Amino acid sequence: MNFKLCYKEYDYKITWSAKRDFKRETGRGIWSTLQAILPIVQANAGGSVINLCAEIGKHIDDVDGPILLYTLAKQCNTSLQLSEIADACDRVGWRPVEDDNEYAQPYTYVLYKMVHAIDALYEEEAAKAKKDLCPSAVGQDSKNSK
């Protein structure tokens, strides 16, 4: 998975190490921080993107937001520095740009897109795991059929 910030793409992944690092830096959990963005998105459905980003910014501010992006991206690029992500977040500003350029959107918009990607990934992974752990009737499961 990747996110785009200030005209650069960053690969990222959620690992136990990322969870631990984010907790150490902010005192917050990654899952609870990301999960709380979904109701914000739902509550602002049909509204302006500026209001959506403002509400996400109230949930995770301009200090913790870059730390979250950094801890996730650092899992794929160990030489990445927090200062690079923090600078990129500052440079793209606080409100979404109108030309819909994903590379120039603020960290709040990046988090909005990221939450949807993570949610889709884990929904797909959960369906696969459930199928493996709870096979259907005998004969339909590929592990039991011959």
C-alpha atoms as a PDB file:
ATOM      1  CA  MET A   1       0.000   0.000   0.000  1.00  0.00           C
ATOM      2  CA  ASN A   2       1.133   3.567  -0.473  1.00  0.00           C
ATOM      3  CA  PHE A   3       0.116   7.153   0.118  1.00  0.00           C
ATOM      4  CA  LYS A   4       0.956  10.300  -1.797  1.00  0.00           C
ATOM      5  CA  LEU A   5       2.153  13.400   0.024  1.00  0.00           C
ATOM      6  CA  CYS A   6       3.756  16.552  -1.323  1.00  0.00           C
ATOM      7  CA  TYR A   7       4.536  15.109  -4.750  1.00  0.00           C
ATOM      8  CA  LYS A   8       6.091  11.917  -3.423  1.00  0.00           C
ATOM      9  CA  GLU A   9       4.784   8.370  -2.925  1.00  0.00           C
ATOM     10  CA  TYR A  10       5.468   6.461   0.271  1.00  0.00           C
ATOM     11  CA  ASP A  11       4.932   2.738   0.703  1.00  0.00           C
ATOM     12  CA  TYR A  12       3.602   1.786   4.114  1.00  0.00           C
ATOM     13  CA  LYS A  13       2.389  -1.122   6.168  1.00  0.00           C
ATOM     14  CA  ILE A  14       0.869  -1.624   9.572  1.00  0.00           C
ATOM     15  CA  THR A  15       3.148  -3.691  11.759  1.00  0.00           C
ATOM     16  CA  TRP A  16       3.456  -4.317  15.451  1.00  0.00           C
ATOM     17  CA  SER A  17       6.574  -2.150  15.424  1.00  0.00           C
ATOM     18  CA  ALA A  18       4.617   0.741  13.883  1.00  0.00           C
ATOM     19  CA  LYS A  19       1.911   0.348  16.513  1.00  0.00           C
ATOM     20  CA  ARG A  20       4.487   0.376  19.304  1.00  0.00           C
ATOM     21  CA  ASP A  21       6.373   3.382  17.897  1.00  0.00           C
ATOM     22  CA  PHE A  22       3.198   5.429  17.429  1.00  0.00           C
ATOM     23  CA  LYS A  23       2.084   4.603  20.968  1.00  0.00           C
ATOM     24  CA  ARG A  24       5.495   5.611  22.376  1.00  0.00           C
ATOM     25  CA  GLU A  25       5.478   8.909  20.492  1.00  0.00           C
ATOM     26  CA  THR A  26       1.877   9.974  20.993  1.00  0.00           C
ATOM     27  CA  GLY A  27       0.324   7.844  23.729  1.00  0.00           C
ATOM     28  CA  ARG A  28      -2.349   6.833  21.207  1.00  0.00           C
ATOM     29  CA  GLY A  29      -3.051   3.536  19.492  1.00  0.00           C
ATOM     30  CA  ILE A  30      -2.878   3.309  15.704  1.00  0.00           C
ATOM     31  CA  TRP A  31      -6.047   1.229  15.402  1.00  0.00           C
ATOM     32  CA  SER A  32      -8.167   3.463  17.607  1.00  0.00           C
ATOM     33  CA  THR A  33      -6.832   6.558  15.868  1.00  0.00           C
ATOM     34  CA  LEU A  34      -7.574   5.187  12.403  1.00  0.00           C
ATOM     35  CA  GLN A  35     -10.906   3.617  13.384  1.00  0.00           C
ATOM     36  CA  ALA A  36     -12.182   6.919  14.756  1.00  0.00           C
ATOM     37  CA  ILE A  37     -11.766   8.496  11.317  1.00  0.00           C
ATOM     38  CA  LEU A  38     -14.490   6.271   9.810  1.00  0.00           C
ATOM     39  CA  PRO A  39     -17.371   7.809  11.827  1.00  0.00           C
ATOM     40  CA  ILE A  40     -16.014  11.267  10.981  1.00  0.00           C
ATOM     41  CA  VAL A  41     -16.179  10.351   7.290  1.00  0.00           C
ATOM     42  CA  GLN A  42     -19.722   8.990   7.682  1.00  0.00           C
ATOM     43  CA  ALA A  43     -20.890  12.039   9.647  1.00  0.00           C
ATOM     44  CA  ASN A  44     -19.575  14.335   6.932  1.00  0.00           C
ATOM     45  CA  ALA A  45     -20.805  12.328   3.941  1.00  0.00           C
ATOM     46  CA  GLY A  46     -22.322  14.647   1.395  1.00  0.00           C
ATOM     47  CA  GLY A  47     -20.642  17.670   2.958  1.00  0.00           C
ATOM     48  CA  SER A  48     -17.649  19.610   1.793  1.00  0.00           C
ATOM     49  CA  VAL A  49     -14.190  18.080   1.723  1.00  0.00           C
ATOM     50  CA  ILE A  50     -12.895  21.096   3.642  1.00  0.00           C
ATOM     51  CA  ASN A  51     -15.257  20.321   6.535  1.00  0.00           C
ATOM     52  CA  LEU A  52     -14.290  16.651   6.418  1.00  0.00           C
ATOM     53  CA  CYS A  53     -10.592  17.490   6.619  1.00  0.00           C
ATOM     54  CA  ALA A  54     -11.224  19.983   9.427  1.00  0.00           C
ATOM     55  CA  GLU A  55     -13.027  17.316  11.456  1.00  0.00           C
ATOM     56  CA  ILE A  56     -10.256  14.774  10.859  1.00  0.00           C
ATOM     57  CA  GLY A  57      -7.780  17.467  11.943  1.00  0.00           C
ATOM     58  CA  LYS A  58      -9.681  17.867  15.213  1.00  0.00           C
ATOM     59  CA  HIS A  59      -9.284  14.131  15.805  1.00  0.00           C
ATOM     60  CA  ILE A  60      -5.601  13.901  14.868  1.00  0.00           C
ATOM     61  CA  ASP A  61      -3.690  17.163  14.852  1.00  0.00           C
ATOM     62  CA  ASP A  62      -0.818  18.412  12.733  1.00  0.00           C
ATOM     63  CA  VAL A  63       1.753  16.908  15.104  1.00  0.00           C
ATOM     64  CA  ASP A  64       0.300  13.421  15.579  1.00  0.00           C
ATOM     65  CA  GLY A  65      -0.792  13.161  11.914  1.00  0.00           C
ATOM     66  CA  PRO A  66       2.735  13.333  10.513  1.00  0.00           C
ATOM     67  CA  ILE A  67       3.943  10.960  13.239  1.00  0.00           C
ATOM     68  CA  LEU A  68       1.289   8.450  12.188  1.00  0.00           C
ATOM     69  CA  LEU A  69       2.243   8.683   8.511  1.00  0.00           C
ATOM     70  CA  TYR A  70       5.932   8.454   9.399  1.00  0.00           C
ATOM     71  CA  THR A  71       5.618   5.387  11.624  1.00  0.00           C
ATOM     72  CA  LEU A  72       3.686   3.542   8.912  1.00  0.00           C
ATOM     73  CA  ALA A  73       6.017   4.579   6.064  1.00  0.00           C
ATOM     74  CA  LYS A  74       9.129   3.838   8.113  1.00  0.00           C
ATOM     75  CA  GLN A  75       8.187   0.153   8.037  1.00  0.00           C
ATOM     76  CA  CYS A  76       8.991   0.120   4.304  1.00  0.00           C
ATOM     77  CA  ASN A  77      11.839   2.640   4.277  1.00  0.00           C
ATOM     78  CA  THR A  78      14.065   2.532   7.344  1.00  0.00           C
ATOM     79  CA  SER A  79      16.097   5.546   6.209  1.00  0.00           C
ATOM     80  CA  LEU A  80      13.005   7.785   6.199  1.00  0.00           C
ATOM     81  CA  GLN A  81      13.125  10.664   8.685  1.00  0.00           C
ATOM     82  CA  LEU A  82      10.182  12.168  10.561  1.00  0.00           C
ATOM     83  CA  SER A  83      11.382  15.610   9.460  1.00  0.00           C
ATOM     84  CA  GLU A  84      10.701  14.675   5.804  1.00  0.00           C
ATOM     85  CA  ILE A  85       7.086  13.709   6.503  1.00  0.00           C
ATOM     86  CA  ALA A  86       6.522  16.657   8.856  1.00  0.00           C
ATOM     87  CA  ASP A  87       7.927  19.059   6.254  1.00  0.00           C
ATOM     88  CA  ALA A  88       5.759  17.536   3.531  1.00  0.00           C
ATOM     89  CA  CYS A  89       2.654  17.895   5.736  1.00  0.00           C
ATOM     90  CA  ASP A  90       3.500  21.558   6.338  1.00  0.00           C
ATOM     91  CA  ARG A  91       4.114  22.247   2.653  1.00  0.00           C
ATOM     92  CA  VAL A  92       0.786  20.856   1.423  1.00  0.00           C
ATOM     93  CA  GLY A  93      -1.119  23.071   3.828  1.00  0.00           C
ATOM     94  CA  TRP A  94      -4.294  22.608   5.787  1.00  0.00           C
ATOM     95  CA  ARG A  95      -7.017  22.446   3.167  1.00  0.00           C
ATOM     96  CA  PRO A  96      -7.626  20.253   0.126  1.00  0.00           C
ATOM     97  CA  VAL A  97      -6.693  21.631  -3.270  1.00  0.00           C
ATOM     98  CA  GLU A  98      -9.470  21.905  -5.808  1.00  0.00           C
ATOM     99  CA  ASP A  99      -7.701  20.310  -8.772  1.00  0.00           C
ATOM    100  CA  ASP A 100      -8.019  16.886  -7.059  1.00  0.00           C
ATOM    101  CA  ASN A 101      -4.296  16.322  -7.286  1.00  0.00           C
ATOM    102  CA  GLU A 102      -3.632  13.548  -4.751  1.00  0.00           C
ATOM    103  CA  TYR A 103      -0.003  14.563  -4.405  1.00  0.00           C
ATOM    104  CA  ALA A 104      -0.831  18.033  -3.080  1.00  0.00           C
ATOM    105  CA  GLN A 105      -3.511  17.138  -0.531  1.00  0.00           C
ATOM    106  CA  PRO A 106      -3.114  17.783   3.217  1.00  0.00           C
ATOM    107  CA  TYR A 107      -2.348  15.009   5.700  1.00  0.00           C
ATOM    108  CA  THR A 108      -6.018  14.912   6.738  1.00  0.00           C
ATOM    109  CA  TYR A 109      -7.055  14.006   3.198  1.00  0.00           C
ATOM    110  CA  VAL A 110      -4.220  11.468   2.995  1.00  0.00           C
ATOM    111  CA  LEU A 111      -5.551   9.855   6.190  1.00  0.00           C
ATOM    112  CA  TYR A 112      -9.076   9.827   4.760  1.00  0.00           C
ATOM    113  CA  LYS A 113      -7.870   7.929   1.678  1.00  0.00           C
ATOM    114  CA  MET A 114      -5.618   5.692   3.780  1.00  0.00           C
ATOM    115  CA  VAL A 115      -8.441   4.628   6.098  1.00  0.00           C
ATOM    116  CA  HIS A 116     -10.513   3.490   3.119  1.00  0.00           C
ATOM    117  CA  ALA A 117      -7.580   1.501   1.690  1.00  0.00           C
ATOM    118  CA  ILE A 118      -6.806  -0.131   5.048  1.00  0.00           C
ATOM    119  CA  ASP A 119     -10.465  -0.940   5.642  1.00  0.00           C
ATOM    120  CA  ALA A 120     -10.757  -2.586   2.218  1.00  0.00           C
ATOM    121  CA  LEU A 121      -7.546  -4.551   2.719  1.00  0.00           C
ATOM    122  CA  TYR A 122      -8.551  -5.920   6.103  1.00  0.00           C
ATOM    123  CA  GLU A 123     -12.081  -6.710   4.959  1.00  0.00           C
ATOM    124  CA  GLU A 124     -10.592  -8.797   2.158  1.00  0.00           C
ATOM    125  CA  GLU A 125      -8.063 -10.430   4.502  1.00  0.00           C
ATOM    126  CA  ALA A 126     -10.777 -11.210   7.065  1.00  0.00           C
ATOM    127  CA  ALA A 127     -12.902 -12.913   4.417  1.00  0.00           C
ATOM    128  CA  LYS A 128      -9.929 -15.058   3.358  1.00  0.00           C
ATOM    129  CA  ALA A 129      -9.066 -15.948   6.952  1.00  0.00           C
ATOM    130  CA  LYS A 130     -12.671 -16.801   7.762  1.00  0.00           C
ATOM    131  CA  LYS A 131     -12.865 -19.065   4.729  1.00  0.00           C
ATOM    132  CA  ASP A 132      -9.674 -20.854   5.796  1.00  0.00           C
ATOM    133  CA  LEU A 133     -10.715 -21.152   9.449  1.00  0.00           C
ATOM    134  CA  CYS A 134     -14.393 -21.933   8.919  1.00  0.00           C
ATOM    135  CA  PRO A 135     -14.695 -24.010   5.775  1.00  0.00           C
ATOM    136  CA  SER A 136     -18.079 -24.523   4.198  1.00  0.00           C
ATOM    137  CA  ALA A 137     -19.813 -27.854   4.025  1.00  0.00           C
ATOM    138  CA  VAL A 138     -17.618 -30.872   3.385  1.00  0.00           C
ATOM    139  CA  GLY A 139     -16.887 -31.205  -0.296  1.00  0.00           C
ATOM    140  CA  GLN A 140     -17.036 -27.444  -0.936  1.00  0.00           C
ATOM    141  CA  ASP A 141     -13.851 -26.675   0.947  1.00  0.00           C
ATOM    142  CA  SER A 142     -10.769 -27.138  -1.218  1.00  0.00           C
ATOM    143  CA  LYS A 143      -8.788 -28.527   1.725  1.00  0.00           C
ATOM    144  CA  ASN A 144     -11.304 -31.310   2.372  1.00  0.00           C
ATOM    145  CA  SER A 145     -12.331 -32.164  -1.182  1.00  0.00           C
ATOM    146  CA  LYS A 146     -10.383 -34.664  -3.188  1.00  0.00           C
END
